[in-house]
Amino acid sequence: MNKIKKLGYKLIYIHEKEITNCESIKDIDILVCYNPFNNLDISKLKNLKWIQLSSIGIDQAPIKHIKENDIILTNNKGGYSIPIGEWVVLKILELAKNSNKFYKKQQKKKWKLDTSVLEIFGKTIGFIGTGSIAKESAKRLQGFDAKLIGLNTSGRDVEYFDKCYGVNDFKYMVSLCDIIVVSIPYTSKTHHLLNEEIFKEMKNNVYIINVARGNIINERHLIKYLKNGKIKGAALDVFENEPLSPDSPLWELDNVIITPHNSWVSEMRNERRFNLIYENMKRYINGEKLLNVVNLEKGY
């Protein structure tokens, strides 16, 4: 905090679970936070000019008010991409190598060979979304000799991908994949982007990995195709409702790996987050262009 104070800022620190509209913050210019918006009415912060989020996703922020009042919104794009990229590689391998089943056999002290494990050599791994998370994942998959394809708005080339497709080729792109990684931002346009219509276009025995937002996948349709075997397995770090309800059928499925929105975590997360916030606060006070300004029309 002293490092930021030396830039010339007056700092007010309140835990965002405890923050409310009060005298000490009514004149603030900048809000650095993750999600205080359930407790804090930012429409009462008349001097607010910039919100720096500690997250990549922005769906927790009151976008309508931010747009209408020309408030700058920046996020932590890239801040968690390395650990998430590692998590993606881990889960691809765990699905292909049937790790879940081996862990369960170990708990039962059961020695039994499994001849159904797969290689990812030569497989087609498709990323829905080719931003920083997808790039860090693809970079780490280079050594496996898989074919890496991506989906983005225009089909533009992206580093580490063999080929990228535009949104008009979405159905064709998913039909090519042995493994699909969901890494696209959540917006109104991507809500339930993966649904029954899209699942039907996929190969039989496809694997699904989601590190984006749960609402990008229609969970009810996903469960249907996990149960009937069309989708061979899934590794899910995000869900439509979090925490995942104990009543969700996903808990009971042997072909599903569940983690509690944990893929972003590493020992470096705080250092990377602080470095971004510090750099942006230095730029802001010097009147320079900020990093990671969110395009409010696109939603990312």
C-alpha atoms as a PDB file:
ATOM      1  CA  MET A   1       0.000   0.000   0.000  1.00  0.00           C
ATOM      2  CA  ASN A   2       2.879   2.382   0.736  1.00  0.00           C
ATOM      3  CA  LYS A   3       4.061   1.953  -2.840  1.00  0.00           C
ATOM      4  CA  ILE A   4       0.688   3.234  -4.100  1.00  0.00           C
ATOM      5  CA  LYS A   5       0.606   6.043  -1.523  1.00  0.00           C
ATOM      6  CA  LYS A   6       3.926   7.262  -2.887  1.00  0.00           C
ATOM      7  CA  LEU A   7       2.211   7.848  -6.237  1.00  0.00           C
ATOM      8  CA  GLY A   8       0.169  10.562  -4.520  1.00  0.00           C
ATOM      9  CA  TYR A   9      -3.066   8.772  -3.683  1.00  0.00           C
ATOM     10  CA  LYS A  10      -5.114   8.995  -0.501  1.00  0.00           C
ATOM     11  CA  LEU A  11      -6.185   5.428   0.234  1.00  0.00           C
ATOM     12  CA  ILE A  12      -9.292   4.204   2.030  1.00  0.00           C
ATOM     13  CA  TYR A  13      -9.368   0.470   2.709  1.00  0.00           C
ATOM     14  CA  ILE A  14     -12.648  -1.299   3.584  1.00  0.00           C
ATOM     15  CA  HIS A  15     -13.277  -5.026   3.128  1.00  0.00           C
ATOM     16  CA  GLU A  16     -15.795  -5.296   0.319  1.00  0.00           C
ATOM     17  CA  LYS A  17     -18.024  -7.670   2.287  1.00  0.00           C
ATOM     18  CA  GLU A  18     -18.390  -4.907   4.869  1.00  0.00           C
ATOM     19  CA  ILE A  19     -18.486  -1.821   2.647  1.00  0.00           C
ATOM     20  CA  THR A  20     -21.610   0.340   2.492  1.00  0.00           C
ATOM     21  CA  ASN A  21     -22.293   3.851   1.307  1.00  0.00           C
ATOM     22  CA  CYS A  22     -20.795   6.052   3.995  1.00  0.00           C
ATOM     23  CA  GLU A  23     -19.257   9.469   4.513  1.00  0.00           C
ATOM     24  CA  SER A  24     -15.651   8.280   4.142  1.00  0.00           C
ATOM     25  CA  ILE A  25     -16.107   7.048   0.563  1.00  0.00           C
ATOM     26  CA  LYS A  26     -18.746   9.373  -0.884  1.00  0.00           C
ATOM     27  CA  ASP A  27     -16.165  11.478  -2.766  1.00  0.00           C
ATOM     28  CA  ILE A  28     -13.882   8.707  -4.077  1.00  0.00           C
ATOM     29  CA  ASP A  29     -12.620   8.900  -7.672  1.00  0.00           C
ATOM     30  CA  ILE A  30     -11.395   5.302  -7.994  1.00  0.00           C
ATOM     31  CA  LEU A  31     -12.749   1.958  -6.792  1.00  0.00           C
ATOM     32  CA  VAL A  32     -10.419  -1.075  -6.727  1.00  0.00           C
ATOM     33  CA  CYS A  33     -12.444  -4.185  -5.992  1.00  0.00           C
ATOM     34  CA  TYR A  34     -13.816  -7.567  -6.997  1.00  0.00           C
ATOM     35  CA  ASN A  35     -17.518  -7.448  -6.125  1.00  0.00           C
ATOM     36  CA  PRO A  36     -18.751  -4.947  -3.538  1.00  0.00           C
ATOM     37  CA  PHE A  37     -21.813  -4.185  -5.666  1.00  0.00           C
ATOM     38  CA  ASN A  38     -24.317  -6.161  -3.592  1.00  0.00           C
ATOM     39  CA  ASN A  39     -23.651  -3.836  -0.640  1.00  0.00           C
ATOM     40  CA  LEU A  40     -22.498  -0.673  -2.391  1.00  0.00           C
ATOM     41  CA  ASP A  41     -24.693   1.589  -4.522  1.00  0.00           C
ATOM     42  CA  ILE A  42     -22.186   3.228  -6.850  1.00  0.00           C
ATOM     43  CA  SER A  43     -24.852   5.618  -8.185  1.00  0.00           C
ATOM     44  CA  LYS A  44     -24.289   7.575  -4.964  1.00  0.00           C
ATOM     45  CA  LEU A  45     -20.561   7.956  -5.699  1.00  0.00           C
ATOM     46  CA  LYS A  46     -20.873  11.123  -7.755  1.00  0.00           C
ATOM     47  CA  ASN A  47     -17.119  11.573  -8.337  1.00  0.00           C
ATOM     48  CA  LEU A  48     -16.427   7.979  -9.391  1.00  0.00           C
ATOM     49  CA  LYS A  49     -14.448   7.939 -12.629  1.00  0.00           C
ATOM     50  CA  TRP A  50     -12.720   4.551 -12.738  1.00  0.00           C
ATOM     51  CA  ILE A  51     -13.317   1.012 -11.436  1.00  0.00           C
ATOM     52  CA  GLN A  52     -10.417  -1.450 -11.422  1.00  0.00           C
ATOM     53  CA  LEU A  53     -11.639  -5.030 -11.015  1.00  0.00           C
ATOM     54  CA  SER A  54      -9.387  -7.741  -9.607  1.00  0.00           C
ATOM     55  CA  SER A  55     -11.201 -10.309 -11.765  1.00  0.00           C
ATOM     56  CA  ILE A  56     -11.145 -11.084 -15.469  1.00  0.00           C
ATOM     57  CA  GLY A  57     -14.932 -11.414 -15.676  1.00  0.00           C
ATOM     58  CA  ILE A  58     -17.065  -8.291 -15.379  1.00  0.00           C
ATOM     59  CA  ASP A  59     -20.556  -9.782 -15.005  1.00  0.00           C
ATOM     60  CA  GLN A  60     -20.713  -8.779 -11.321  1.00  0.00           C
ATOM     61  CA  ALA A  61     -20.393  -5.064 -12.163  1.00  0.00           C
ATOM     62  CA  PRO A  62     -23.406  -2.728 -12.744  1.00  0.00           C
ATOM     63  CA  ILE A  63     -22.613  -2.234 -16.424  1.00  0.00           C
ATOM     64  CA  LYS A  64     -25.675  -0.120 -17.230  1.00  0.00           C
ATOM     65  CA  HIS A  65     -24.740   2.547 -14.676  1.00  0.00           C
ATOM     66  CA  ILE A  66     -21.064   2.394 -15.673  1.00  0.00           C
ATOM     67  CA  LYS A  67     -21.986   2.993 -19.324  1.00  0.00           C
ATOM     68  CA  GLU A  68     -24.428   5.797 -18.619  1.00  0.00           C
ATOM     69  CA  ASN A  69     -21.941   7.680 -16.461  1.00  0.00           C
ATOM     70  CA  ASP A  70     -18.843   7.199 -18.628  1.00  0.00           C
ATOM     71  CA  ILE A  71     -16.983   5.403 -15.857  1.00  0.00           C
ATOM     72  CA  ILE A  72     -13.826   3.627 -17.019  1.00  0.00           C
ATOM     73  CA  LEU A  73     -13.853  -0.102 -16.234  1.00  0.00           C
ATOM     74  CA  THR A  74     -10.627  -2.133 -16.254  1.00  0.00           C
ATOM     75  CA  ASN A  75     -10.179  -5.783 -15.398  1.00  0.00           C
ATOM     76  CA  ASN A  76      -7.397  -8.214 -14.534  1.00  0.00           C
ATOM     77  CA  LYS A  77      -7.155  -9.775 -17.987  1.00  0.00           C
ATOM     78  CA  GLY A  78      -4.085 -11.999 -18.140  1.00  0.00           C
ATOM     79  CA  GLY A  79      -3.590 -11.997 -14.374  1.00  0.00           C
ATOM     80  CA  TYR A  80      -4.762 -15.580 -13.919  1.00  0.00           C
ATOM     81  CA  SER A  81      -4.045 -16.965 -17.385  1.00  0.00           C
ATOM     82  CA  ILE A  82      -0.927 -18.956 -16.458  1.00  0.00           C
ATOM     83  CA  PRO A  83      -2.466 -21.024 -13.618  1.00  0.00           C
ATOM     84  CA  ILE A  84      -5.658 -21.512 -15.629  1.00  0.00           C
ATOM     85  CA  GLY A  85      -3.587 -22.625 -18.622  1.00  0.00           C
ATOM     86  CA  GLU A  86      -1.841 -25.184 -16.415  1.00  0.00           C
ATOM     87  CA  TRP A  87      -5.211 -26.339 -15.073  1.00  0.00           C
ATOM     88  CA  VAL A  88      -6.518 -26.851 -18.615  1.00  0.00           C
ATOM     89  CA  VAL A  89      -3.543 -29.070 -19.513  1.00  0.00           C
ATOM     90  CA  LEU A  90      -3.947 -31.016 -16.266  1.00  0.00           C
ATOM     91  CA  LYS A  91      -7.641 -31.692 -16.842  1.00  0.00           C
ATOM     92  CA  ILE A  92      -7.168 -32.677 -20.480  1.00  0.00           C
ATOM     93  CA  LEU A  93      -4.653 -35.278 -19.339  1.00  0.00           C
ATOM     94  CA  GLU A  94      -6.791 -36.419 -16.401  1.00  0.00           C
ATOM     95  CA  LEU A  95      -9.770 -36.976 -18.693  1.00  0.00           C
ATOM     96  CA  ALA A  96      -7.742 -38.787 -21.348  1.00  0.00           C
ATOM     97  CA  LYS A  97      -5.919 -40.933 -18.787  1.00  0.00           C
ATOM     98  CA  ASN A  98      -9.033 -41.774 -16.693  1.00  0.00           C
ATOM     99  CA  SER A  99      -7.391 -40.358 -13.565  1.00  0.00           C
ATOM    100  CA  ASN A 100     -10.679 -40.109 -11.667  1.00  0.00           C
ATOM    101  CA  LYS A 101     -11.190 -43.865 -11.944  1.00  0.00           C
ATOM    102  CA  PHE A 102      -7.627 -44.599 -10.825  1.00  0.00           C
ATOM    103  CA  TYR A 103      -8.023 -42.370  -7.755  1.00  0.00           C
ATOM    104  CA  LYS A 104     -11.204 -44.213  -6.801  1.00  0.00           C
ATOM    105  CA  LYS A 105      -9.497 -47.608  -7.263  1.00  0.00           C
ATOM    106  CA  GLN A 106      -6.600 -46.409  -5.113  1.00  0.00           C
ATOM    107  CA  GLN A 107      -8.996 -45.510  -2.299  1.00  0.00           C
ATOM    108  CA  LYS A 108     -10.397 -49.041  -2.485  1.00  0.00           C
ATOM    109  CA  LYS A 109      -6.874 -50.577  -2.770  1.00  0.00           C
ATOM    110  CA  LYS A 110      -8.015 -52.108  -6.031  1.00  0.00           C
ATOM    111  CA  TRP A 111      -5.320 -53.157  -8.542  1.00  0.00           C
ATOM    112  CA  LYS A 112      -6.893 -53.285 -11.992  1.00  0.00           C
ATOM    113  CA  LEU A 113      -5.449 -52.407 -15.389  1.00  0.00           C
ATOM    114  CA  ASP A 114      -7.350 -49.884 -17.539  1.00  0.00           C
ATOM    115  CA  THR A 115      -6.757 -50.321 -21.270  1.00  0.00           C
ATOM    116  CA  SER A 116      -9.159 -47.533 -22.286  1.00  0.00           C
ATOM    117  CA  VAL A 117      -6.796 -44.622 -21.544  1.00  0.00           C
ATOM    118  CA  LEU A 118      -6.027 -42.346 -24.483  1.00  0.00           C
ATOM    119  CA  GLU A 119      -3.194 -40.252 -25.883  1.00  0.00           C
ATOM    120  CA  ILE A 120      -3.723 -36.609 -26.747  1.00  0.00           C
ATOM    121  CA  PHE A 121      -1.101 -36.947 -29.489  1.00  0.00           C
ATOM    122  CA  GLY A 122      -2.822 -36.217 -32.793  1.00  0.00           C
ATOM    123  CA  LYS A 123      -6.086 -35.177 -31.184  1.00  0.00           C
ATOM    124  CA  THR A 124      -7.833 -31.939 -32.177  1.00  0.00           C
ATOM    125  CA  ILE A 125      -8.217 -29.605 -29.217  1.00  0.00           C
ATOM    126  CA  GLY A 126     -10.552 -26.677 -29.834  1.00  0.00           C
ATOM    127  CA  PHE A 127     -10.786 -23.488 -27.797  1.00  0.00           C
ATOM    128  CA  ILE A 128     -14.011 -21.495 -27.860  1.00  0.00           C
ATOM    129  CA  GLY A 129     -12.420 -18.094 -27.349  1.00  0.00           C
ATOM    130  CA  THR A 130      -8.771 -17.304 -28.126  1.00  0.00           C
ATOM    131  CA  GLY A 131      -7.926 -14.699 -25.482  1.00  0.00           C
ATOM    132  CA  SER A 132      -5.121 -14.779 -22.921  1.00  0.00           C
ATOM    133  CA  ILE A 133      -6.338 -17.925 -21.130  1.00  0.00           C
ATOM    134  CA  ALA A 134      -6.627 -19.853 -24.386  1.00  0.00           C
ATOM    135  CA  LYS A 135      -3.209 -18.658 -25.554  1.00  0.00           C
ATOM    136  CA  GLU A 136      -1.484 -19.663 -22.313  1.00  0.00           C
ATOM    137  CA  SER A 137      -3.204 -23.062 -22.513  1.00  0.00           C
ATOM    138  CA  ALA A 138      -2.303 -23.579 -26.170  1.00  0.00           C
ATOM    139  CA  LYS A 139       1.290 -22.513 -25.516  1.00  0.00           C
ATOM    140  CA  ARG A 140       1.593 -25.281 -22.918  1.00  0.00           C
ATOM    141  CA  LEU A 141      -0.018 -27.867 -25.219  1.00  0.00           C
ATOM    142  CA  GLN A 142       2.535 -27.303 -27.999  1.00  0.00           C
ATOM    143  CA  GLY A 143       4.707 -30.208 -26.902  1.00  0.00           C
ATOM    144  CA  PHE A 144       1.928 -32.797 -27.115  1.00  0.00           C
ATOM    145  CA  ASP A 145       1.670 -32.723 -30.929  1.00  0.00           C
ATOM    146  CA  ALA A 146      -2.060 -32.161 -30.829  1.00  0.00           C
ATOM    147  CA  LYS A 147      -3.817 -30.003 -33.416  1.00  0.00           C
ATOM    148  CA  LEU A 148      -4.893 -26.732 -31.796  1.00  0.00           C
ATOM    149  CA  ILE A 149      -7.802 -24.812 -33.269  1.00  0.00           C
ATOM    150  CA  GLY A 150      -9.716 -21.807 -31.968  1.00  0.00           C
ATOM    151  CA  LEU A 151     -12.917 -19.859 -32.395  1.00  0.00           C
ATOM    152  CA  ASN A 152     -12.990 -16.071 -32.311  1.00  0.00           C
ATOM    153  CA  THR A 153     -15.142 -13.318 -33.788  1.00  0.00           C
ATOM    154  CA  SER A 154     -13.448 -13.015 -37.168  1.00  0.00           C
ATOM    155  CA  GLY A 155     -11.358 -16.174 -37.516  1.00  0.00           C
ATOM    156  CA  ARG A 156      -8.172 -14.100 -37.166  1.00  0.00           C
ATOM    157  CA  ASP A 157      -4.892 -15.964 -36.679  1.00  0.00           C
ATOM    158  CA  VAL A 158      -3.728 -16.264 -33.069  1.00  0.00           C
ATOM    159  CA  GLU A 159      -0.314 -17.297 -31.804  1.00  0.00           C
ATOM    160  CA  TYR A 160       0.035 -21.002 -30.815  1.00  0.00           C
ATOM    161  CA  PHE A 161      -3.058 -22.061 -32.819  1.00  0.00           C
ATOM    162  CA  ASP A 162      -2.821 -24.083 -36.024  1.00  0.00           C
ATOM    163  CA  LYS A 163      -6.052 -22.561 -37.311  1.00  0.00           C
ATOM    164  CA  CYS A 164      -8.805 -20.275 -36.085  1.00  0.00           C
ATOM    165  CA  TYR A 165     -12.419 -20.063 -37.244  1.00  0.00           C
ATOM    166  CA  GLY A 166     -14.928 -17.218 -37.119  1.00  0.00           C
ATOM    167  CA  VAL A 167     -18.261 -17.365 -35.317  1.00  0.00           C
ATOM    168  CA  ASN A 168     -20.071 -18.196 -38.552  1.00  0.00           C
ATOM    169  CA  ASP A 169     -18.161 -21.511 -38.592  1.00  0.00           C
ATOM    170  CA  PHE A 170     -18.976 -22.361 -34.962  1.00  0.00           C
ATOM    171  CA  LYS A 171     -20.852 -25.590 -35.676  1.00  0.00           C
ATOM    172  CA  TYR A 172     -18.227 -26.788 -38.134  1.00  0.00           C
ATOM    173  CA  MET A 173     -15.404 -25.955 -35.736  1.00  0.00           C
ATOM    174  CA  VAL A 174     -16.886 -27.948 -32.835  1.00  0.00           C
ATOM    175  CA  SER A 175     -17.524 -30.900 -35.154  1.00  0.00           C
ATOM    176  CA  LEU A 176     -13.743 -31.223 -35.662  1.00  0.00           C
ATOM    177  CA  CYS A 177     -12.796 -31.402 -31.989  1.00  0.00           C
ATOM    178  CA  ASP A 178     -11.909 -34.355 -29.800  1.00  0.00           C
ATOM    179  CA  ILE A 179     -11.566 -31.994 -26.833  1.00  0.00           C
ATOM    180  CA  ILE A 180     -13.331 -28.628 -26.412  1.00  0.00           C
ATOM    181  CA  VAL A 181     -12.173 -25.945 -23.979  1.00  0.00           C
ATOM    182  CA  VAL A 182     -14.585 -23.128 -23.141  1.00  0.00           C
ATOM    183  CA  SER A 183     -12.530 -19.962 -22.603  1.00  0.00           C
ATOM    184  CA  ILE A 184     -14.764 -17.226 -24.004  1.00  0.00           C
ATOM    185  CA  PRO A 185     -15.987 -14.246 -21.922  1.00  0.00           C
ATOM    186  CA  TYR A 186     -19.539 -14.385 -20.599  1.00  0.00           C
ATOM    187  CA  THR A 187     -21.895 -11.873 -22.206  1.00  0.00           C
ATOM    188  CA  SER A 188     -25.576 -11.844 -23.147  1.00  0.00           C
ATOM    189  CA  LYS A 189     -24.509 -13.227 -26.543  1.00  0.00           C
ATOM    190  CA  THR A 190     -22.603 -16.162 -25.039  1.00  0.00           C
ATOM    191  CA  HIS A 191     -25.316 -17.154 -22.537  1.00  0.00           C
ATOM    192  CA  HIS A 192     -26.002 -20.872 -23.134  1.00  0.00           C
ATOM    193  CA  LEU A 193     -23.796 -20.753 -26.217  1.00  0.00           C
ATOM    194  CA  LEU A 194     -23.223 -24.482 -25.739  1.00  0.00           C
ATOM    195  CA  ASN A 195     -26.630 -26.085 -25.810  1.00  0.00           C
ATOM    196  CA  GLU A 196     -28.356 -29.140 -27.215  1.00  0.00           C
ATOM    197  CA  GLU A 197     -28.109 -27.839 -30.789  1.00  0.00           C
ATOM    198  CA  ILE A 198     -24.336 -27.460 -30.485  1.00  0.00           C
ATOM    199  CA  PHE A 199     -23.795 -30.697 -28.551  1.00  0.00           C
ATOM    200  CA  LYS A 200     -25.461 -32.580 -31.413  1.00  0.00           C
ATOM    201  CA  GLU A 201     -22.844 -31.183 -33.816  1.00  0.00           C
ATOM    202  CA  MET A 202     -19.950 -32.522 -31.740  1.00  0.00           C
ATOM    203  CA  LYS A 203     -18.136 -35.806 -32.235  1.00  0.00           C
ATOM    204  CA  ASN A 204     -19.187 -38.786 -30.192  1.00  0.00           C
ATOM    205  CA  ASN A 205     -16.971 -39.230 -27.121  1.00  0.00           C
ATOM    206  CA  VAL A 206     -15.878 -35.581 -27.045  1.00  0.00           C
ATOM    207  CA  TYR A 207     -14.424 -34.119 -23.836  1.00  0.00           C
ATOM    208  CA  ILE A 208     -15.590 -30.715 -22.519  1.00  0.00           C
ATOM    209  CA  ILE A 209     -13.587 -28.388 -20.249  1.00  0.00           C
ATOM    210  CA  ASN A 210     -15.005 -25.122 -18.885  1.00  0.00           C
ATOM    211  CA  VAL A 211     -12.809 -22.437 -17.305  1.00  0.00           C
ATOM    212  CA  ALA A 212     -14.906 -19.433 -18.383  1.00  0.00           C
ATOM    213  CA  ARG A 213     -18.349 -19.005 -16.796  1.00  0.00           C
ATOM    214  CA  GLY A 214     -20.949 -21.646 -16.002  1.00  0.00           C
ATOM    215  CA  ASN A 215     -23.769 -19.853 -17.818  1.00  0.00           C
ATOM    216  CA  ILE A 216     -22.011 -20.273 -21.165  1.00  0.00           C
ATOM    217  CA  ILE A 217     -23.105 -23.938 -21.061  1.00  0.00           C
ATOM    218  CA  ASN A 218     -26.699 -25.036 -20.672  1.00  0.00           C
ATOM    219  CA  GLU A 219     -26.081 -27.323 -17.698  1.00  0.00           C
ATOM    220  CA  ARG A 220     -29.282 -29.317 -18.150  1.00  0.00           C
ATOM    221  CA  HIS A 221     -28.334 -30.154 -21.738  1.00  0.00           C
ATOM    222  CA  LEU A 222     -24.751 -30.935 -20.698  1.00  0.00           C
ATOM    223  CA  ILE A 223     -25.956 -33.418 -18.082  1.00  0.00           C
ATOM    224  CA  LYS A 224     -28.176 -35.115 -20.670  1.00  0.00           C
ATOM    225  CA  TYR A 225     -25.266 -35.717 -23.051  1.00  0.00           C
ATOM    226  CA  LEU A 226     -22.889 -36.743 -20.272  1.00  0.00           C
ATOM    227  CA  LYS A 227     -25.409 -39.365 -19.193  1.00  0.00           C
ATOM    228  CA  ASN A 228     -26.046 -40.750 -22.676  1.00  0.00           C
ATOM    229  CA  GLY A 229     -22.313 -40.928 -23.480  1.00  0.00           C
ATOM    230  CA  LYS A 230     -22.241 -38.492 -26.405  1.00  0.00           C
ATOM    231  CA  ILE A 231     -19.918 -36.408 -24.193  1.00  0.00           C
ATOM    232  CA  LYS A 232     -17.349 -38.831 -22.808  1.00  0.00           C
ATOM    233  CA  GLY A 233     -16.298 -36.629 -19.923  1.00  0.00           C
ATOM    234  CA  ALA A 234     -16.129 -33.101 -18.598  1.00  0.00           C
ATOM    235  CA  ALA A 235     -13.858 -31.096 -16.311  1.00  0.00           C
ATOM    236  CA  LEU A 236     -15.794 -28.172 -14.866  1.00  0.00           C
ATOM    237  CA  ASP A 237     -14.419 -25.348 -12.754  1.00  0.00           C
ATOM    238  CA  VAL A 238     -17.456 -23.087 -13.164  1.00  0.00           C
ATOM    239  CA  PHE A 239     -21.195 -23.639 -12.934  1.00  0.00           C
ATOM    240  CA  GLU A 240     -24.494 -21.898 -13.630  1.00  0.00           C
ATOM    241  CA  ASN A 241     -25.040 -21.476  -9.885  1.00  0.00           C
ATOM    242  CA  GLU A 242     -22.131 -21.334  -7.469  1.00  0.00           C
ATOM    243  CA  PRO A 243     -21.506 -22.957  -5.137  1.00  0.00           C
ATOM    244  CA  LEU A 244     -22.775 -26.015  -6.972  1.00  0.00           C
ATOM    245  CA  SER A 245     -25.870 -27.341  -5.211  1.00  0.00           C
ATOM    246  CA  PRO A 246     -25.479 -30.676  -3.372  1.00  0.00           C
ATOM    247  CA  ASP A 247     -28.544 -31.758  -5.370  1.00  0.00           C
ATOM    248  CA  SER A 248     -26.859 -31.287  -8.747  1.00  0.00           C
ATOM    249  CA  PRO A 249     -26.620 -34.547 -10.749  1.00  0.00           C
ATOM    250  CA  LEU A 250     -23.088 -33.489 -11.773  1.00  0.00           C
ATOM    251  CA  TRP A 251     -21.738 -34.621  -8.395  1.00  0.00           C
ATOM    252  CA  GLU A 252     -22.851 -38.185  -9.057  1.00  0.00           C
ATOM    253  CA  LEU A 253     -21.477 -38.601 -12.579  1.00  0.00           C
ATOM    254  CA  ASP A 254     -18.324 -40.733 -12.826  1.00  0.00           C
ATOM    255  CA  ASN A 255     -17.261 -38.953 -16.021  1.00  0.00           C
ATOM    256  CA  VAL A 256     -17.178 -35.470 -14.473  1.00  0.00           C
ATOM    257  CA  ILE A 257     -14.314 -33.746 -12.640  1.00  0.00           C
ATOM    258  CA  ILE A 258     -15.498 -30.879 -10.430  1.00  0.00           C
ATOM    259  CA  THR A 259     -13.361 -28.112  -8.937  1.00  0.00           C
ATOM    260  CA  PRO A 260     -14.790 -25.121  -6.995  1.00  0.00           C
ATOM    261  CA  HIS A 261     -13.923 -22.214  -9.331  1.00  0.00           C
ATOM    262  CA  ASN A 262     -10.316 -22.802  -8.322  1.00  0.00           C
ATOM    263  CA  SER A 263      -8.383 -22.867 -11.599  1.00  0.00           C
ATOM    264  CA  TRP A 264      -7.181 -19.256 -11.240  1.00  0.00           C
ATOM    265  CA  VAL A 265      -5.434 -19.816  -7.923  1.00  0.00           C
ATOM    266  CA  SER A 266      -1.651 -19.935  -7.545  1.00  0.00           C
ATOM    267  CA  GLU A 267       1.014 -18.562  -5.228  1.00  0.00           C
ATOM    268  CA  MET A 268       1.638 -15.791  -7.783  1.00  0.00           C
ATOM    269  CA  ARG A 269      -1.930 -14.482  -7.978  1.00  0.00           C
ATOM    270  CA  ASN A 270      -1.554 -11.662  -5.443  1.00  0.00           C
ATOM    271  CA  GLU A 271       1.746 -10.440  -6.859  1.00  0.00           C
ATOM    272  CA  ARG A 272       0.451 -10.344 -10.445  1.00  0.00           C
ATOM    273  CA  ARG A 273      -2.790  -8.663  -9.362  1.00  0.00           C
ATOM    274  CA  PHE A 274      -0.958  -5.988  -7.364  1.00  0.00           C
ATOM    275  CA  ASN A 275       1.487  -5.336 -10.200  1.00  0.00           C
ATOM    276  CA  LEU A 276      -1.374  -4.658 -12.614  1.00  0.00           C
ATOM    277  CA  ILE A 277      -3.239  -2.430 -10.158  1.00  0.00           C
ATOM    278  CA  TYR A 278      -0.062  -0.491  -9.352  1.00  0.00           C
ATOM    279  CA  GLU A 279       0.801  -0.020 -13.024  1.00  0.00           C
ATOM    280  CA  ASN A 280      -2.695   1.238 -13.810  1.00  0.00           C
ATOM    281  CA  MET A 281      -2.737   3.605 -10.824  1.00  0.00           C
ATOM    282  CA  LYS A 282       0.623   4.989 -11.921  1.00  0.00           C
ATOM    283  CA  ARG A 283      -0.717   5.481 -15.439  1.00  0.00           C
ATOM    284  CA  TYR A 284      -3.955   7.065 -14.214  1.00  0.00           C
ATOM    285  CA  ILE A 285      -2.278   9.692 -12.045  1.00  0.00           C
ATOM    286  CA  ASN A 286       0.102  10.490 -14.917  1.00  0.00           C
ATOM    287  CA  GLY A 287      -2.732  10.807 -17.418  1.00  0.00           C
ATOM    288  CA  GLU A 288      -1.568   7.812 -19.452  1.00  0.00           C
ATOM    289  CA  LYS A 289      -3.587   5.091 -21.199  1.00  0.00           C
ATOM    290  CA  LEU A 290      -4.764   2.353 -18.826  1.00  0.00           C
ATOM    291  CA  LEU A 291      -4.239  -1.365 -19.339  1.00  0.00           C
ATOM    292  CA  ASN A 292      -7.165  -3.742 -19.818  1.00  0.00           C
ATOM    293  CA  VAL A 293      -9.890  -1.167 -20.457  1.00  0.00           C
ATOM    294  CA  VAL A 294     -13.103  -3.133 -20.974  1.00  0.00           C
ATOM    295  CA  ASN A 295     -15.097  -2.556 -24.143  1.00  0.00           C
ATOM    296  CA  LEU A 296     -18.510  -2.132 -22.563  1.00  0.00           C
ATOM    297  CA  GLU A 297     -20.332  -2.757 -25.850  1.00  0.00           C
ATOM    298  CA  LYS A 298     -18.604  -6.116 -26.371  1.00  0.00           C
ATOM    299  CA  GLY A 299     -18.636  -6.987 -22.663  1.00  0.00           C
ATOM    300  CA  TYR A 300     -14.945  -7.869 -22.369  1.00  0.00           C
END
